[in-house]
């Protein structure tokens, strides 16, 4: 049985635009913090910031990693991100193709 550090996570991150999402996603994969990153099409975000309701265009991505690499992944995203408080939320992967999950673990463990 895999320890909790080997739990696969799908990490959802928003970015200012597609270029920022691509730049951060590429860095995460190149640095073995994520096995892969899926860039998601642009969308509109409606949110409360500074006491006001704001609305604006954003892009997002999903990064596949493990709980053992999440803190480093999160720190790297914050270092590369233009937002003061980027959305970085992780969802545990409860099930998946065993070969794919092993591949994710192998890639991020190598880092």
PDB file of N, CA and C in Angstrom:
ATOM      1  N   UNK A   1       0.845  -1.191   0.000  1.00  0.00           N
ATOM      2  CA  UNK A   1       0.000   0.000   0.000  1.00  0.00           C
ATOM      3  C   UNK A   1       0.885   1.248   0.000  1.00  0.00           C
ATOM      4  N   UNK A   2       0.520   2.225  -0.804  1.00  0.00           N
ATOM      5  CA  UNK A   2       1.290   3.448  -0.915  1.00  0.00           C
ATOM      6  C   UNK A   2       1.071   4.314   0.323  1.00  0.00           C
ATOM      7  N   UNK A   3       2.145   4.953   0.781  1.00  0.00           N
ATOM      8  CA  UNK A   3       2.023   5.879   1.896  1.00  0.00           C
ATOM      9  C   UNK A   3       1.315   7.148   1.464  1.00  0.00           C
ATOM     10  N   UNK A   4       0.955   7.981   2.431  1.00  0.00           N
ATOM     11  CA  UNK A   4       0.196   9.186   2.115  1.00  0.00           C
ATOM     12  C   UNK A   4       0.990  10.159   1.229  1.00  0.00           C
ATOM     13  N   UNK A   5       2.320  10.125   1.295  1.00  0.00           N
ATOM     14  CA  UNK A   5       3.126  11.009   0.435  1.00  0.00           C
ATOM     15  C   UNK A   5       3.000  10.621  -1.038  1.00  0.00           C
ATOM     16  N   UNK A   6       2.530   9.402  -1.303  1.00  0.00           N
ATOM     17  CA  UNK A   6       2.370   8.919  -2.674  1.00  0.00           C
ATOM     18  C   UNK A   6       0.944   9.095  -3.200  1.00  0.00           C
ATOM     19  N   UNK A   7       0.054   9.703  -2.397  1.00  0.00           N
ATOM     20  CA  UNK A   7      -1.314   9.956  -2.861  1.00  0.00           C
ATOM     21  C   UNK A   7      -1.250  10.892  -4.065  1.00  0.00           C
ATOM     22  N   UNK A   8      -1.919  10.528  -5.143  1.00  0.00           N
ATOM     23  CA  UNK A   8      -1.965  11.386  -6.336  1.00  0.00           C
ATOM     24  C   UNK A   8      -2.939  12.531  -6.096  1.00  0.00           C
ATOM     25  N   UNK A   9      -2.537  13.715  -6.523  1.00  0.00           N
ATOM     26  CA  UNK A   9      -3.378  14.909  -6.441  1.00  0.00           C
ATOM     27  C   UNK A   9      -3.565  15.496  -7.825  1.00  0.00           C
ATOM     28  N   UNK A  10      -4.732  16.047  -8.051  1.00  0.00           N
ATOM     29  CA  UNK A  10      -4.987  16.889  -9.208  1.00  0.00           C
ATOM     30  C   UNK A  10      -5.117  18.306  -8.649  1.00  0.00           C
ATOM     31  N   UNK A  11      -4.216  19.186  -9.057  1.00  0.00           N
ATOM     32  CA  UNK A  11      -4.146  20.531  -8.485  1.00  0.00           C
ATOM     33  C   UNK A  11      -4.684  21.534  -9.499  1.00  0.00           C
ATOM     34  N   UNK A  12      -5.726  22.252  -9.097  1.00  0.00           N
ATOM     35  CA  UNK A  12      -6.360  23.267  -9.934  1.00  0.00           C
ATOM     36  C   UNK A  12      -5.747  24.624  -9.596  1.00  0.00           C
ATOM     37  N   UNK A  13      -5.291  25.327 -10.635  1.00  0.00           N
ATOM     38  CA  UNK A  13      -4.641  26.629 -10.448  1.00  0.00           C
ATOM     39  C   UNK A  13      -5.203  27.601 -11.483  1.00  0.00           C
ATOM     40  N   UNK A  14      -5.541  28.810 -11.040  1.00  0.00           N
ATOM     41  CA  UNK A  14      -5.938  29.850 -11.978  1.00  0.00           C
ATOM     42  C   UNK A  14      -4.738  30.747 -12.259  1.00  0.00           C
ATOM     43  N   UNK A  15      -4.766  31.389 -13.412  1.00  0.00           N
ATOM     44  CA  UNK A  15      -3.685  32.274 -13.839  1.00  0.00           C
ATOM     45  C   UNK A  15      -4.291  33.496 -14.537  1.00  0.00           C
ATOM     46  N   UNK A  16      -3.491  34.526 -14.662  1.00  0.00           N
ATOM     47  CA  UNK A  16      -3.968  35.768 -15.266  1.00  0.00           C
ATOM     48  C   UNK A  16      -4.369  35.596 -16.729  1.00  0.00           C
ATOM     49  N   UNK A  17      -3.630  34.728 -17.445  1.00  0.00           N
ATOM     50  CA  UNK A  17      -3.938  34.493 -18.851  1.00  0.00           C
ATOM     51  C   UNK A  17      -3.282  33.185 -19.293  1.00  0.00           C
ATOM     52  N   UNK A  18      -3.509  32.816 -20.542  1.00  0.00           N
ATOM     53  CA  UNK A  18      -2.997  31.542 -21.059  1.00  0.00           C
ATOM     54  C   UNK A  18      -1.476  31.499 -21.063  1.00  0.00           C
ATOM     55  N   UNK A  19      -0.829  32.632 -21.324  1.00  0.00           N
ATOM     56  CA  UNK A  19       0.634  32.667 -21.332  1.00  0.00           C
ATOM     57  C   UNK A  19       1.203  32.379 -19.947  1.00  0.00           C
ATOM     58  N   UNK A  20       0.603  32.966 -18.925  1.00  0.00           N
ATOM     59  CA  UNK A  20       1.074  32.707 -17.561  1.00  0.00           C
ATOM     60  C   UNK A  20       0.826  31.252 -17.175  1.00  0.00           C
ATOM     61  N   UNK A  21      -0.334  30.720 -17.515  1.00  0.00           N
ATOM     62  CA  UNK A  21      -0.635  29.316 -17.214  1.00  0.00           C
ATOM     63  C   UNK A  21       0.380  28.399 -17.895  1.00  0.00           C
ATOM     64  N   UNK A  22       0.694  28.670 -19.137  1.00  0.00           N
ATOM     65  CA  UNK A  22       1.662  27.858 -19.885  1.00  0.00           C
ATOM     66  C   UNK A  22       3.058  27.967 -19.273  1.00  0.00           C
ATOM     67  N   UNK A  23       3.480  29.172 -18.930  1.00  0.00           N
ATOM     68  CA  UNK A  23       4.812  29.395 -18.353  1.00  0.00           C
ATOM     69  C   UNK A  23       4.967  28.664 -17.014  1.00  0.00           C
ATOM     70  N   UNK A  24       3.975  28.794 -16.148  1.00  0.00           N
ATOM     71  CA  UNK A  24       4.033  28.126 -14.850  1.00  0.00           C
ATOM     72  C   UNK A  24       3.934  26.612 -15.028  1.00  0.00           C
ATOM     73  N   UNK A  25       2.996  26.160 -15.869  1.00  0.00           N
ATOM     74  CA  UNK A  25       2.833  24.728 -16.100  1.00  0.00           C
ATOM     75  C   UNK A  25       4.092  24.080 -16.641  1.00  0.00           C
ATOM     76  N   UNK A  26       4.739  24.729 -17.590  1.00  0.00           N
ATOM     77  CA  UNK A  26       5.985  24.194 -18.159  1.00  0.00           C
ATOM     78  C   UNK A  26       7.068  24.098 -17.090  1.00  0.00           C
ATOM     79  N   UNK A  27       7.189  25.105 -16.246  1.00  0.00           N
ATOM     80  CA  UNK A  27       8.190  25.071 -15.174  1.00  0.00           C
ATOM     81  C   UNK A  27       7.927  23.915 -14.218  1.00  0.00           C
ATOM     82  N   UNK A  28       6.677  23.677 -13.877  1.00  0.00           N
ATOM     83  CA  UNK A  28       6.344  22.589 -12.948  1.00  0.00           C
ATOM     84  C   UNK A  28       6.738  21.234 -13.517  1.00  0.00           C
ATOM     85  N   UNK A  29       6.500  21.029 -14.809  1.00  0.00           N
ATOM     86  CA  UNK A  29       6.853  19.759 -15.441  1.00  0.00           C
ATOM     87  C   UNK A  29       8.376  19.658 -15.608  1.00  0.00           C
ATOM     88  N   UNK A  30       9.010  20.723 -16.057  1.00  0.00           N
ATOM     89  CA  UNK A  30      10.466  20.690 -16.238  1.00  0.00           C
ATOM     90  C   UNK A  30      11.202  20.422 -14.927  1.00  0.00           C
ATOM     91  N   UNK A  31      10.638  20.884 -13.812  1.00  0.00           N
ATOM     92  CA  UNK A  31      11.271  20.724 -12.503  1.00  0.00           C
ATOM     93  C   UNK A  31      10.785  19.481 -11.755  1.00  0.00           C
ATOM     94  N   UNK A  32      10.037  18.600 -12.434  1.00  0.00           N
ATOM     95  CA  UNK A  32       9.517  17.346 -11.860  1.00  0.00           C
ATOM     96  C   UNK A  32       8.642  17.559 -10.633  1.00  0.00           C
ATOM     97  N   UNK A  33       7.987  18.706 -10.562  1.00  0.00           N
ATOM     98  CA  UNK A  33       7.014  18.950  -9.502  1.00  0.00           C
ATOM     99  C   UNK A  33       5.639  18.436  -9.904  1.00  0.00           C
ATOM    100  N   UNK A  34       5.419  18.306 -11.197  1.00  0.00           N
ATOM    101  CA  UNK A  34       4.184  17.743 -11.749  1.00  0.00           C
ATOM    102  C   UNK A  34       4.553  16.811 -12.888  1.00  0.00           C
ATOM    103  N   UNK A  35       3.813  15.719 -12.997  1.00  0.00           N
ATOM    104  CA  UNK A  35       4.055  14.778 -14.096  1.00  0.00           C
ATOM    105  C   UNK A  35       3.520  15.350 -15.398  1.00  0.00           C
ATOM    106  N   UNK A  36       2.411  16.049 -15.327  1.00  0.00           N
ATOM    107  CA  UNK A  36       1.855  16.715 -16.501  1.00  0.00           C
ATOM    108  C   UNK A  36       0.946  17.839 -16.052  1.00  0.00           C
ATOM    109  N   UNK A  37       0.712  18.763 -16.967  1.00  0.00           N
ATOM    110  CA  UNK A  37      -0.169  19.902 -16.727  1.00  0.00           C
ATOM    111  C   UNK A  37      -1.096  20.015 -17.924  1.00  0.00           C
ATOM    112  N   UNK A  38      -2.381  20.137 -17.648  1.00  0.00           N
ATOM    113  CA  UNK A  38      -3.368  20.348 -18.697  1.00  0.00           C
ATOM    114  C   UNK A  38      -3.833  21.795 -18.641  1.00  0.00           C
ATOM    115  N   UNK A  39      -3.591  22.535 -19.720  1.00  0.00           N
ATOM    116  CA  UNK A  39      -4.048  23.916 -19.807  1.00  0.00           C
ATOM    117  C   UNK A  39      -5.526  23.918 -20.170  1.00  0.00           C
ATOM    118  N   UNK A  40      -6.291  24.730 -19.458  1.00  0.00           N
ATOM    119  CA  UNK A  40      -7.735  24.816 -19.686  1.00  0.00           C
ATOM    120  C   UNK A  40      -8.042  26.129 -20.397  1.00  0.00           C
ATOM    121  N   UNK A  41      -9.065  26.120 -21.250  1.00  0.00           N
ATOM    122  CA  UNK A  41      -9.400  27.341 -21.993  1.00  0.00           C
ATOM    123  C   UNK A  41      -9.701  28.505 -21.051  1.00  0.00           C
ATOM    124  N   UNK A  42      -9.600  29.692 -21.594  1.00  0.00           N
ATOM    125  CA  UNK A  42      -9.912  30.882 -20.817  1.00  0.00           C
ATOM    126  C   UNK A  42     -11.338  30.852 -20.284  1.00  0.00           C
ATOM    127  N   UNK A  43     -11.535  31.546 -19.200  1.00  0.00           N
ATOM    128  CA  UNK A  43     -12.853  31.616 -18.587  1.00  0.00           C
ATOM    129  C   UNK A  43     -12.994  32.962 -17.879  1.00  0.00           C
ATOM    130  N   UNK A  44     -14.179  33.230 -17.376  1.00  0.00           N
ATOM    131  CA  UNK A  44     -14.435  34.444 -16.614  1.00  0.00           C
ATOM    132  C   UNK A  44     -14.534  34.091 -15.144  1.00  0.00           C
ATOM    133  N   UNK A  45     -13.849  34.847 -14.312  1.00  0.00           N
ATOM    134  CA  UNK A  45     -13.910  34.664 -12.865  1.00  0.00           C
ATOM    135  C   UNK A  45     -14.706  35.811 -12.251  1.00  0.00           C
ATOM    136  N   UNK A  46     -15.597  35.471 -11.349  1.00  0.00           N
ATOM    137  CA  UNK A  46     -16.336  36.455 -10.557  1.00  0.00           C
ATOM    138  C   UNK A  46     -15.948  36.177  -9.111  1.00  0.00           C
ATOM    139  N   UNK A  47     -15.419  37.188  -8.426  1.00  0.00           N
ATOM    140  CA  UNK A  47     -14.872  36.962  -7.098  1.00  0.00           C
ATOM    141  C   UNK A  47     -14.934  38.232  -6.260  1.00  0.00           C
ATOM    142  N   UNK A  48     -14.797  38.076  -4.960  1.00  0.00           N
ATOM    143  CA  UNK A  48     -14.757  39.218  -4.060  1.00  0.00           C
ATOM    144  C   UNK A  48     -13.304  39.489  -3.699  1.00  0.00           C
ATOM    145  N   UNK A  49     -12.861  40.732  -3.882  1.00  0.00           N
ATOM    146  CA  UNK A  49     -11.489  41.123  -3.552  1.00  0.00           C
ATOM    147  C   UNK A  49     -11.509  42.566  -3.074  1.00  0.00           C
ATOM    148  N   UNK A  50     -10.898  42.825  -1.936  1.00  0.00           N
ATOM    149  CA  UNK A  50     -10.851  44.185  -1.404  1.00  0.00           C
ATOM    150  C   UNK A  50     -12.224  44.757  -1.108  1.00  0.00           C
ATOM    151  N   UNK A  51     -13.157  43.879  -0.705  1.00  0.00           N
ATOM    152  CA  UNK A  51     -14.498  44.332  -0.354  1.00  0.00           C
ATOM    153  C   UNK A  51     -15.419  44.578  -1.531  1.00  0.00           C
ATOM    154  N   UNK A  52     -14.949  44.320  -2.764  1.00  0.00           N
ATOM    155  CA  UNK A  52     -15.772  44.544  -3.944  1.00  0.00           C
ATOM    156  C   UNK A  52     -15.903  43.255  -4.749  1.00  0.00           C
ATOM    157  N   UNK A  53     -16.999  43.139  -5.471  1.00  0.00           N
ATOM    158  CA  UNK A  53     -17.163  42.037  -6.403  1.00  0.00           C
ATOM    159  C   UNK A  53     -16.480  42.419  -7.707  1.00  0.00           C
ATOM    160  N   UNK A  54     -15.561  41.574  -8.141  1.00  0.00           N
ATOM    161  CA  UNK A  54     -14.785  41.805  -9.354  1.00  0.00           C
ATOM    162  C   UNK A  54     -15.128  40.751 -10.393  1.00  0.00           C
ATOM    163  N   UNK A  55     -14.825  41.046 -11.638  1.00  0.00           N
ATOM    164  CA  UNK A  55     -15.023  40.093 -12.727  1.00  0.00           C
ATOM    165  C   UNK A  55     -13.910  40.304 -13.739  1.00  0.00           C
ATOM    166  N   UNK A  56     -13.331  39.183 -14.215  1.00  0.00           N
ATOM    167  CA  UNK A  56     -12.270  39.315 -15.191  1.00  0.00           C
ATOM    168  C   UNK A  56     -11.940  37.999 -15.859  1.00  0.00           C
ATOM    169  N   UNK A  57     -11.209  38.104 -16.947  1.00  0.00           N
ATOM    170  CA  UNK A  57     -10.787  36.926 -17.702  1.00  0.00           C
ATOM    171  C   UNK A  57      -9.625  36.250 -16.977  1.00  0.00           C
ATOM    172  N   UNK A  58      -9.586  34.920 -17.041  1.00  0.00           N
ATOM    173  CA  UNK A  58      -8.512  34.124 -16.468  1.00  0.00           C
ATOM    174  C   UNK A  58      -8.282  32.903 -17.347  1.00  0.00           C
ATOM    175  N   UNK A  59      -7.220  32.197 -17.055  1.00  0.00           N
ATOM    176  CA  UNK A  59      -6.979  30.863 -17.596  1.00  0.00           C
ATOM    177  C   UNK A  59      -6.734  29.973 -16.393  1.00  0.00           C
ATOM    178  N   UNK A  60      -6.668  28.680 -16.618  1.00  0.00           N
ATOM    179  CA  UNK A  60      -6.431  27.754 -15.516  1.00  0.00           C
ATOM    180  C   UNK A  60      -5.666  26.545 -16.020  1.00  0.00           C
ATOM    181  N   UNK A  61      -5.163  25.759 -15.084  1.00  0.00           N
ATOM    182  CA  UNK A  61      -4.544  24.489 -15.437  1.00  0.00           C
ATOM    183  C   UNK A  61      -4.715  23.487 -14.315  1.00  0.00           C
ATOM    184  N   UNK A  62      -4.582  22.219 -14.688  1.00  0.00           N
ATOM    185  CA  UNK A  62      -4.597  21.103 -13.744  1.00  0.00           C
ATOM    186  C   UNK A  62      -3.227  20.455 -13.774  1.00  0.00           C
ATOM    187  N   UNK A  63      -2.614  20.310 -12.624  1.00  0.00           N
ATOM    188  CA  UNK A  63      -1.307  19.674 -12.505  1.00  0.00           C
ATOM    189  C   UNK A  63      -1.461  18.368 -11.746  1.00  0.00           C
ATOM    190  N   UNK A  64      -0.809  17.305 -12.232  1.00  0.00           N
ATOM    191  CA  UNK A  64      -0.838  16.015 -11.550  1.00  0.00           C
ATOM    192  C   UNK A  64       0.444  15.846 -10.766  1.00  0.00           C
ATOM    193  N   UNK A  65       0.315  15.628  -9.450  1.00  0.00           N
ATOM    194  CA  UNK A  65       1.465  15.481  -8.566  1.00  0.00           C
ATOM    195  C   UNK A  65       1.094  14.535  -7.439  1.00  0.00           C
ATOM    196  N   UNK A  66       1.919  14.513  -6.394  1.00  0.00           N
ATOM    197  CA  UNK A  66       1.641  13.707  -5.206  1.00  0.00           C
ATOM    198  C   UNK A  66       1.625  14.614  -3.983  1.00  0.00           C
ATOM    199  N   UNK A  67       1.058  14.093  -2.898  1.00  0.00           N
ATOM    200  CA  UNK A  67       1.035  14.888  -1.669  1.00  0.00           C
ATOM    201  C   UNK A  67       2.450  15.209  -1.194  1.00  0.00           C
ATOM    202  N   UNK A  68       3.383  14.318  -1.438  1.00  0.00           N
ATOM    203  CA  UNK A  68       4.762  14.542  -1.033  1.00  0.00           C
ATOM    204  C   UNK A  68       5.436  15.693  -1.761  1.00  0.00           C
ATOM    205  N   UNK A  69       4.949  16.050  -2.938  1.00  0.00           N
ATOM    206  CA  UNK A  69       5.538  17.147  -3.725  1.00  0.00           C
ATOM    207  C   UNK A  69       4.666  18.397  -3.720  1.00  0.00           C
ATOM    208  N   UNK A  70       3.493  18.324  -3.057  1.00  0.00           N
ATOM    209  CA  UNK A  70       2.553  19.439  -3.122  1.00  0.00           C
ATOM    210  C   UNK A  70       3.137  20.735  -2.555  1.00  0.00           C
ATOM    211  N   UNK A  71       3.784  20.686  -1.398  1.00  0.00           N
ATOM    212  CA  UNK A  71       4.308  21.925  -0.802  1.00  0.00           C
ATOM    213  C   UNK A  71       5.319  22.606  -1.721  1.00  0.00           C
ATOM    214  N   UNK A  72       6.203  21.822  -2.328  1.00  0.00           N
ATOM    215  CA  UNK A  72       7.187  22.392  -3.253  1.00  0.00           C
ATOM    216  C   UNK A  72       6.502  22.944  -4.502  1.00  0.00           C
ATOM    217  N   UNK A  73       5.500  22.227  -5.017  1.00  0.00           N
ATOM    218  CA  UNK A  73       4.744  22.684  -6.180  1.00  0.00           C
ATOM    219  C   UNK A  73       4.046  24.004  -5.864  1.00  0.00           C
ATOM    220  N   UNK A  74       3.408  24.064  -4.717  1.00  0.00           N
ATOM    221  CA  UNK A  74       2.689  25.270  -4.300  1.00  0.00           C
ATOM    222  C   UNK A  74       3.649  26.452  -4.171  1.00  0.00           C
ATOM    223  N   UNK A  75       4.785  26.241  -3.546  1.00  0.00           N
ATOM    224  CA  UNK A  75       5.769  27.314  -3.382  1.00  0.00           C
ATOM    225  C   UNK A  75       6.273  27.808  -4.732  1.00  0.00           C
ATOM    226  N   UNK A  76       6.488  26.893  -5.670  1.00  0.00           N
ATOM    227  CA  UNK A  76       6.978  27.282  -6.995  1.00  0.00           C
ATOM    228  C   UNK A  76       5.927  28.082  -7.753  1.00  0.00           C
ATOM    229  N   UNK A  77       4.669  27.660  -7.658  1.00  0.00           N
ATOM    230  CA  UNK A  77       3.588  28.415  -8.304  1.00  0.00           C
ATOM    231  C   UNK A  77       3.546  29.826  -7.742  1.00  0.00           C
ATOM    232  N   UNK A  78       3.594  29.959  -6.417  1.00  0.00           N
ATOM    233  CA  UNK A  78       3.548  31.288  -5.796  1.00  0.00           C
ATOM    234  C   UNK A  78       4.721  32.147  -6.260  1.00  0.00           C
ATOM    235  N   UNK A  79       5.903  31.556  -6.406  1.00  0.00           N
ATOM    236  CA  UNK A  79       7.085  32.304  -6.828  1.00  0.00           C
ATOM    237  C   UNK A  79       6.965  32.800  -8.265  1.00  0.00           C
ATOM    238  N   UNK A  80       6.274  32.050  -9.113  1.00  0.00           N
ATOM    239  CA  UNK A  80       6.169  32.391 -10.532  1.00  0.00           C
ATOM    240  C   UNK A  80       4.910  33.187 -10.887  1.00  0.00           C
ATOM    241  N   UNK A  81       3.968  33.265  -9.982  1.00  0.00           N
ATOM    242  CA  UNK A  81       2.631  33.791 -10.270  1.00  0.00           C
ATOM    243  C   UNK A  81       2.565  35.306 -10.137  1.00  0.00           C
ATOM    244  N   UNK A  82       1.715  35.928 -10.947  1.00  0.00           N
ATOM    245  CA  UNK A  82       1.528  37.377 -10.880  1.00  0.00           C
ATOM    246  C   UNK A  82       0.528  37.789  -9.803  1.00  0.00           C
ATOM    247  N   UNK A  83      -0.322  36.871  -9.345  1.00  0.00           N
ATOM    248  CA  UNK A  83      -1.334  37.215  -8.340  1.00  0.00           C
ATOM    249  C   UNK A  83      -0.715  37.244  -6.944  1.00  0.00           C
ATOM    250  N   UNK A  84      -1.226  38.127  -6.105  1.00  0.00           N
ATOM    251  CA  UNK A  84      -0.822  38.149  -4.699  1.00  0.00           C
ATOM    252  C   UNK A  84      -1.322  36.889  -3.988  1.00  0.00           C
ATOM    253  N   UNK A  85      -2.486  36.392  -4.404  1.00  0.00           N
ATOM    254  CA  UNK A  85      -3.074  35.205  -3.784  1.00  0.00           C
ATOM    255  C   UNK A  85      -3.680  34.312  -4.874  1.00  0.00           C
ATOM    256  N   UNK A  86      -2.850  33.494  -5.520  1.00  0.00           N
ATOM    257  CA  UNK A  86      -3.387  32.629  -6.579  1.00  0.00           C
ATOM    258  C   UNK A  86      -4.242  31.499  -6.003  1.00  0.00           C
ATOM    259  N   UNK A  87      -5.199  31.061  -6.782  1.00  0.00           N
ATOM    260  CA  UNK A  87      -5.996  29.887  -6.425  1.00  0.00           C
ATOM    261  C   UNK A  87      -5.151  28.649  -6.695  1.00  0.00           C
ATOM    262  N   UNK A  88      -4.833  27.911  -5.647  1.00  0.00           N
ATOM    263  CA  UNK A  88      -4.114  26.640  -5.751  1.00  0.00           C
ATOM    264  C   UNK A  88      -4.852  25.673  -4.846  1.00  0.00           C
ATOM    265  N   UNK A  89      -5.642  24.787  -5.426  1.00  0.00           N
ATOM    266  CA  UNK A  89      -6.405  23.826  -4.622  1.00  0.00           C
ATOM    267  C   UNK A  89      -6.159  22.418  -5.152  1.00  0.00           C
ATOM    268  N   UNK A  90      -5.994  21.492  -4.230  1.00  0.00           N
ATOM    269  CA  UNK A  90      -5.680  20.117  -4.597  1.00  0.00           C
ATOM    270  C   UNK A  90      -6.848  19.205  -4.283  1.00  0.00           C
ATOM    271  N   UNK A  91      -7.101  18.285  -5.208  1.00  0.00           N
ATOM    272  CA  UNK A  91      -8.137  17.280  -5.042  1.00  0.00           C
ATOM    273  C   UNK A  91      -7.480  15.914  -5.083  1.00  0.00           C
ATOM    274  N   UNK A  92      -7.711  15.084  -4.066  1.00  0.00           N
ATOM    275  CA  UNK A  92      -7.119  13.741  -4.097  1.00  0.00           C
ATOM    276  C   UNK A  92      -7.753  12.901  -5.195  1.00  0.00           C
ATOM    277  N   UNK A  93      -6.933  12.144  -5.874  1.00  0.00           N
ATOM    278  CA  UNK A  93      -7.429  11.223  -6.897  1.00  0.00           C
ATOM    279  C   UNK A  93      -7.776   9.928  -6.177  1.00  0.00           C
ATOM    280  N   UNK A  94      -9.039   9.598  -6.152  1.00  0.00           N
ATOM    281  CA  UNK A  94      -9.514   8.421  -5.422  1.00  0.00           C
ATOM    282  C   UNK A  94      -9.282   7.129  -6.193  1.00  0.00           C
ATOM    283  N   UNK A  95      -9.304   7.216  -7.503  1.00  0.00           N
ATOM    284  CA  UNK A  95      -9.113   6.030  -8.338  1.00  0.00           C
ATOM    285  C   UNK A  95      -8.620   6.486  -9.700  1.00  0.00           C
ATOM    286  N   UNK A  96      -7.979   5.556 -10.406  1.00  0.00           N
ATOM    287  CA  UNK A  96      -7.494   5.866 -11.733  1.00  0.00           C
ATOM    288  C   UNK A  96      -6.798   4.657 -12.318  1.00  0.00           C
ATOM    289  N   UNK A  97      -6.406   4.762 -13.554  1.00  0.00           N
ATOM    290  CA  UNK A  97      -5.674   3.687 -14.201  1.00  0.00           C
ATOM    291  C   UNK A  97      -4.369   3.466 -13.431  1.00  0.00           C
ATOM    292  N   UNK A  98      -4.128   2.273 -12.914  1.00  0.00           N
ATOM    293  CA  UNK A  98      -2.930   2.037 -12.098  1.00  0.00           C
ATOM    294  C   UNK A  98      -1.622   2.385 -12.807  1.00  0.00           C
ATOM    295  N   UNK A  99      -1.523   2.120 -14.089  1.00  0.00           N
ATOM    296  CA  UNK A  99      -0.296   2.445 -14.811  1.00  0.00           C
ATOM    297  C   UNK A  99      -0.085   3.957 -14.889  1.00  0.00           C
ATOM    298  N   UNK A 100      -1.165   4.700 -15.110  1.00  0.00           N
ATOM    299  CA  UNK A 100      -1.053   6.160 -15.153  1.00  0.00           C
ATOM    300  C   UNK A 100      -0.634   6.702 -13.794  1.00  0.00           C
ATOM    301  N   UNK A 101      -1.274   6.230 -12.735  1.00  0.00           N
ATOM    302  CA  UNK A 101      -0.956   6.699 -11.391  1.00  0.00           C
ATOM    303  C   UNK A 101       0.491   6.376 -11.018  1.00  0.00           C
ATOM    304  N   UNK A 102       0.958   5.192 -11.401  1.00  0.00           N
ATOM    305  CA  UNK A 102       2.358   4.832 -11.154  1.00  0.00           C
ATOM    306  C   UNK A 102       3.304   5.742 -11.943  1.00  0.00           C
ATOM    307  N   UNK A 103       2.915   6.096 -13.151  1.00  0.00           N
ATOM    308  CA  UNK A 103       3.719   7.005 -13.964  1.00  0.00           C
ATOM    309  C   UNK A 103       3.845   8.367 -13.268  1.00  0.00           C
ATOM    310  N   UNK A 104       2.732   8.903 -12.774  1.00  0.00           N
ATOM    311  CA  UNK A 104       2.776  10.189 -12.065  1.00  0.00           C
ATOM    312  C   UNK A 104       3.732  10.086 -10.878  1.00  0.00           C
ATOM    313  N   UNK A 105       3.580   9.045 -10.077  1.00  0.00           N
ATOM    314  CA  UNK A 105       4.450   8.869  -8.902  1.00  0.00           C
ATOM    315  C   UNK A 105       5.917   8.788  -9.320  1.00  0.00           C
ATOM    316  N   UNK A 106       6.197   8.056 -10.364  1.00  0.00           N
ATOM    317  CA  UNK A 106       7.577   7.885 -10.822  1.00  0.00           C
ATOM    318  C   UNK A 106       8.204   9.183 -11.291  1.00  0.00           C
ATOM    319  N   UNK A 107       7.433   9.976 -12.015  1.00  0.00           N
ATOM    320  CA  UNK A 107       7.951  11.249 -12.536  1.00  0.00           C
ATOM    321  C   UNK A 107       8.258  12.217 -11.407  1.00  0.00           C
ATOM    322  N   UNK A 108       7.315  12.413 -10.501  1.00  0.00           N
ATOM    323  CA  UNK A 108       7.533  13.418  -9.455  1.00  0.00           C
ATOM    324  C   UNK A 108       8.509  12.905  -8.390  1.00  0.00           C
ATOM    325  N   UNK A 109       8.615  11.594  -8.212  1.00  0.00           N
ATOM    326  CA  UNK A 109       9.581  11.035  -7.264  1.00  0.00           C
ATOM    327  C   UNK A 109      10.996  11.268  -7.763  1.00  0.00           C
ATOM    328  N   UNK A 110      11.175  11.266  -9.087  1.00  0.00           N
ATOM    329  CA  UNK A 110      12.491  11.473  -9.678  1.00  0.00           C
ATOM    330  C   UNK A 110      13.051  12.843  -9.311  1.00  0.00           C
ATOM    331  N   UNK A 111      12.155  13.793  -9.065  1.00  0.00           N
ATOM    332  CA  UNK A 111      12.611  15.124  -8.706  1.00  0.00           C
ATOM    333  C   UNK A 111      13.006  15.161  -7.261  1.00  0.00           C
TER     334      UNK A 111
END
